[in-house]
Amino acid sequence: MICPECHAEYLDHIKECGDCKLTLVDACVIDLPIPEMTWAALPPFQGKIYADMAAEILDNHDIAYYLKMNWSSSAFVIEAASLPGDVVRIFVPKSSLEKATELVGNITENNA
């Protein structure tokens, strides 16, 4: 279910948007435009722990991102420890790159 005004997504049992107070509609019937977004990489993080710290900061500032890890880390779901040489990349929208770099700069500088 989705709000026709703000496009917030809801579970099927919810019938009204919490913000707009409009009746939700089935997301399948709306032809939403998919925004074109160019992604840019932040400096690499040495280990998932540092990347998770940066991701939390980006979350707190409403900056979209995605993480790209080495195959071994993601395949074995290694969360608590980093493998030697394990590098995690975080990608953000190009329009947010400057702000994101500023926000997580201390983390990337200290884990190099």
C-alpha atoms as a PDB file:
ATOM      1  CA  MET A   1       0.000   0.000   0.000  1.00  0.00           C
ATOM      2  CA  ILE A   2       1.227   3.462  -0.874  1.00  0.00           C
ATOM      3  CA  CYS A   3       0.146   7.044  -0.285  1.00  0.00           C
ATOM      4  CA  PRO A   4      -0.860   8.724  -3.554  1.00  0.00           C
ATOM      5  CA  GLU A   5       0.427  12.084  -2.246  1.00  0.00           C
ATOM      6  CA  CYS A   6       3.797  11.525  -0.515  1.00  0.00           C
ATOM      7  CA  HIS A   7       4.446   8.012  -1.910  1.00  0.00           C
ATOM      8  CA  ALA A   8       5.203   6.605   1.555  1.00  0.00           C
ATOM      9  CA  GLU A   9       4.969   2.830   1.586  1.00  0.00           C
ATOM     10  CA  TYR A  10       2.863   0.959   4.149  1.00  0.00           C
ATOM     11  CA  LEU A  11       2.049  -2.628   5.056  1.00  0.00           C
ATOM     12  CA  ASP A  12      -1.107  -4.065   3.489  1.00  0.00           C
ATOM     13  CA  HIS A  13      -3.217  -3.866   6.665  1.00  0.00           C
ATOM     14  CA  ILE A  14      -2.781  -0.073   7.009  1.00  0.00           C
ATOM     15  CA  LYS A  15      -5.427   1.903   5.130  1.00  0.00           C
ATOM     16  CA  GLU A  16      -4.522   5.583   5.723  1.00  0.00           C
ATOM     17  CA  CYS A  17      -1.292   7.593   5.372  1.00  0.00           C
ATOM     18  CA  GLY A  18      -0.020   8.658   8.777  1.00  0.00           C
ATOM     19  CA  ASP A  19       1.225  11.999   7.409  1.00  0.00           C
ATOM     20  CA  CYS A  20      -1.233  12.987   4.662  1.00  0.00           C
ATOM     21  CA  LYS A  21      -4.345  11.308   6.145  1.00  0.00           C
ATOM     22  CA  LEU A  22      -5.276  10.068   2.637  1.00  0.00           C
ATOM     23  CA  THR A  23      -6.581   6.624   1.800  1.00  0.00           C
ATOM     24  CA  LEU A  24      -3.760   4.396   0.625  1.00  0.00           C
ATOM     25  CA  VAL A  25      -3.833   2.665  -2.755  1.00  0.00           C
ATOM     26  CA  ASP A  26      -2.294  -0.524  -4.048  1.00  0.00           C
ATOM     27  CA  ALA A  27       1.251   0.298  -5.175  1.00  0.00           C
ATOM     28  CA  CYS A  28       0.784  -1.798  -8.316  1.00  0.00           C
ATOM     29  CA  VAL A  29      -1.788   0.610  -9.758  1.00  0.00           C
ATOM     30  CA  ILE A  30       0.404   3.707  -9.491  1.00  0.00           C
ATOM     31  CA  ASP A  31       2.895   4.406 -12.236  1.00  0.00           C
ATOM     32  CA  LEU A  32       5.506   6.157 -10.130  1.00  0.00           C
ATOM     33  CA  PRO A  33       8.387   7.777 -11.934  1.00  0.00           C
ATOM     34  CA  ILE A  34      11.736   6.291 -11.009  1.00  0.00           C
ATOM     35  CA  PRO A  35      14.119   9.147 -10.377  1.00  0.00           C
ATOM     36  CA  GLU A  36      17.392   8.933 -12.208  1.00  0.00           C
ATOM     37  CA  MET A  37      20.212   8.983  -9.724  1.00  0.00           C
ATOM     38  CA  THR A  38      23.943   9.081 -10.253  1.00  0.00           C
ATOM     39  CA  TRP A  39      25.898   7.414  -7.458  1.00  0.00           C
ATOM     40  CA  ALA A  40      29.352   8.420  -6.233  1.00  0.00           C
ATOM     41  CA  ALA A  41      31.722   6.517  -3.941  1.00  0.00           C
ATOM     42  CA  LEU A  42      32.958   7.738  -0.590  1.00  0.00           C
ATOM     43  CA  PRO A  43      36.548   6.878   0.321  1.00  0.00           C
ATOM     44  CA  PRO A  44      36.860   3.148   1.175  1.00  0.00           C
ATOM     45  CA  PHE A  45      36.309   1.850   4.692  1.00  0.00           C
ATOM     46  CA  GLN A  46      38.628  -0.757   6.183  1.00  0.00           C
ATOM     47  CA  GLY A  47      36.053  -3.156   7.595  1.00  0.00           C
ATOM     48  CA  LYS A  48      32.314  -3.348   8.055  1.00  0.00           C
ATOM     49  CA  ILE A  49      32.362  -1.840  11.536  1.00  0.00           C
ATOM     50  CA  TYR A  50      33.605   1.513  10.218  1.00  0.00           C
ATOM     51  CA  ALA A  51      31.203   1.342   7.288  1.00  0.00           C
ATOM     52  CA  ASP A  52      28.304   0.680   9.672  1.00  0.00           C
ATOM     53  CA  MET A  53      29.321   3.720  11.732  1.00  0.00           C
ATOM     54  CA  ALA A  54      29.295   5.851   8.589  1.00  0.00           C
ATOM     55  CA  ALA A  55      25.960   4.361   7.485  1.00  0.00           C
ATOM     56  CA  GLU A  56      24.394   5.313  10.809  1.00  0.00           C
ATOM     57  CA  ILE A  57      25.575   8.905  10.386  1.00  0.00           C
ATOM     58  CA  LEU A  58      24.163   8.999   6.847  1.00  0.00           C
ATOM     59  CA  ASP A  59      20.853   7.570   8.135  1.00  0.00           C
ATOM     60  CA  ASN A  60      20.686  10.283  10.787  1.00  0.00           C
ATOM     61  CA  HIS A  61      21.098  12.930   8.077  1.00  0.00           C
ATOM     62  CA  ASP A  62      18.622  11.319   5.633  1.00  0.00           C
ATOM     63  CA  ILE A  63      21.268  10.666   2.989  1.00  0.00           C
ATOM     64  CA  ALA A  64      20.538   7.676   0.760  1.00  0.00           C
ATOM     65  CA  TYR A  65      23.365   5.158   0.394  1.00  0.00           C
ATOM     66  CA  TYR A  66      24.251   1.588  -0.385  1.00  0.00           C
ATOM     67  CA  LEU A  67      27.159  -0.545   0.767  1.00  0.00           C
ATOM     68  CA  LYS A  68      29.276  -2.761  -1.421  1.00  0.00           C
ATOM     69  CA  MET A  69      31.377  -5.344   0.389  1.00  0.00           C
ATOM     70  CA  ASN A  70      33.857  -8.006  -0.588  1.00  0.00           C
ATOM     71  CA  TRP A  71      32.191 -11.216  -1.635  1.00  0.00           C
ATOM     72  CA  SER A  72      33.549 -13.160   1.353  1.00  0.00           C
ATOM     73  CA  SER A  73      32.132 -10.748   3.930  1.00  0.00           C
ATOM     74  CA  SER A  74      28.683 -10.655   2.412  1.00  0.00           C
ATOM     75  CA  ALA A  75      28.560 -14.377   1.627  1.00  0.00           C
ATOM     76  CA  PHE A  76      29.467 -15.422   5.160  1.00  0.00           C
ATOM     77  CA  VAL A  77      27.625 -12.530   6.856  1.00  0.00           C
ATOM     78  CA  ILE A  78      30.666 -11.490   8.835  1.00  0.00           C
ATOM     79  CA  GLU A  79      29.441  -8.616  10.993  1.00  0.00           C
ATOM     80  CA  ALA A  80      31.443  -8.544  14.218  1.00  0.00           C
ATOM     81  CA  ALA A  81      34.944  -8.806  12.808  1.00  0.00           C
ATOM     82  CA  SER A  82      36.682  -7.753   9.668  1.00  0.00           C
ATOM     83  CA  LEU A  83      38.785  -9.983   7.527  1.00  0.00           C
ATOM     84  CA  PRO A  84      42.323  -8.734   6.795  1.00  0.00           C
ATOM     85  CA  GLY A  85      42.175  -6.428   3.799  1.00  0.00           C
ATOM     86  CA  ASP A  86      38.375  -6.273   3.926  1.00  0.00           C
ATOM     87  CA  VAL A  87      37.229  -3.091   2.168  1.00  0.00           C
ATOM     88  CA  VAL A  88      33.696  -1.743   2.189  1.00  0.00           C
ATOM     89  CA  ARG A  89      32.581   0.959  -0.224  1.00  0.00           C
ATOM     90  CA  ILE A  90      29.655   3.258   0.430  1.00  0.00           C
ATOM     91  CA  PHE A  91      27.928   4.926  -2.493  1.00  0.00           C
ATOM     92  CA  VAL A  92      25.730   8.020  -2.110  1.00  0.00           C
ATOM     93  CA  PRO A  93      23.834  10.135  -4.624  1.00  0.00           C
ATOM     94  CA  LYS A  94      26.279  12.438  -6.386  1.00  0.00           C
ATOM     95  CA  SER A  95      24.231  15.407  -5.196  1.00  0.00           C
ATOM     96  CA  SER A  96      24.929  14.376  -1.557  1.00  0.00           C
ATOM     97  CA  LEU A  97      28.612  13.474  -1.989  1.00  0.00           C
ATOM     98  CA  GLU A  98      30.082  16.669  -0.537  1.00  0.00           C
ATOM     99  CA  LYS A  99      27.877  16.614   2.572  1.00  0.00           C
ATOM    100  CA  ALA A 100      28.352  12.846   3.089  1.00  0.00           C
ATOM    101  CA  THR A 101      32.132  13.156   2.737  1.00  0.00           C
ATOM    102  CA  GLU A 102      32.157  15.919   5.318  1.00  0.00           C
ATOM    103  CA  LEU A 103      29.985  13.920   7.735  1.00  0.00           C
ATOM    104  CA  VAL A 104      32.024  10.701   7.610  1.00  0.00           C
ATOM    105  CA  GLY A 105      35.437  12.222   6.923  1.00  0.00           C
ATOM    106  CA  ASN A 106      36.768  11.510  10.412  1.00  0.00           C
ATOM    107  CA  ILE A 107      35.909   7.833  10.091  1.00  0.00           C
ATOM    108  CA  THR A 108      37.631   7.389   6.727  1.00  0.00           C
ATOM    109  CA  GLU A 109      40.710   9.359   7.824  1.00  0.00           C
ATOM    110  CA  ASN A 110      41.147   7.361  11.036  1.00  0.00           C
ATOM    111  CA  ASN A 111      40.698   3.882   9.572  1.00  0.00           C
ATOM    112  CA  ALA A 112      43.047   4.146   6.620  1.00  0.00           C
END
